[in-house]
Amino acid sequence: VVNFEEGYKLTKLLLEKQHNIDGIFYTADILALGALKALSENGINVPEHIKVIGFDDISASAYSTPPLTTIHQSVDKIADLAVKKLTSMMDEEEIDKFIYNIPVSLVERGSA
């Protein structure tokens, strides 16, 4: 499950089991936002003690405390490609089996 609560719980569990962490990368911003809450409640300063990076660049990431450093992916490009492939499938056209590389970029904010 990918949600705020899961990021919070996973981070609490990680803090119980590991003590020499200097950074955490989350596969979704919403998980990282839950982590920021867990870290704050445990008196762990981000980014001075632990750096946190998310992935998605959801709008809430810019407004967290500290603002979340994240990886931005172009949802528009992904959606455009998906619609083209779906339309081709609906038209019973042959679908190519290529792997598509869609560029991402680092959005540096205050958590890393």
Foldseek 3Di string as FASTA:
>chain_A
DDALVVLLVVLLVCVVVDPQAQEDEEAAVRSQLSNVVNCVVVVHDFNVRHFYEYEDPDVCQVVGVQRHKYKHFPPVVVVVVVVVQVVCVVVVHDHDPDDDDGDIDIDDTGRD
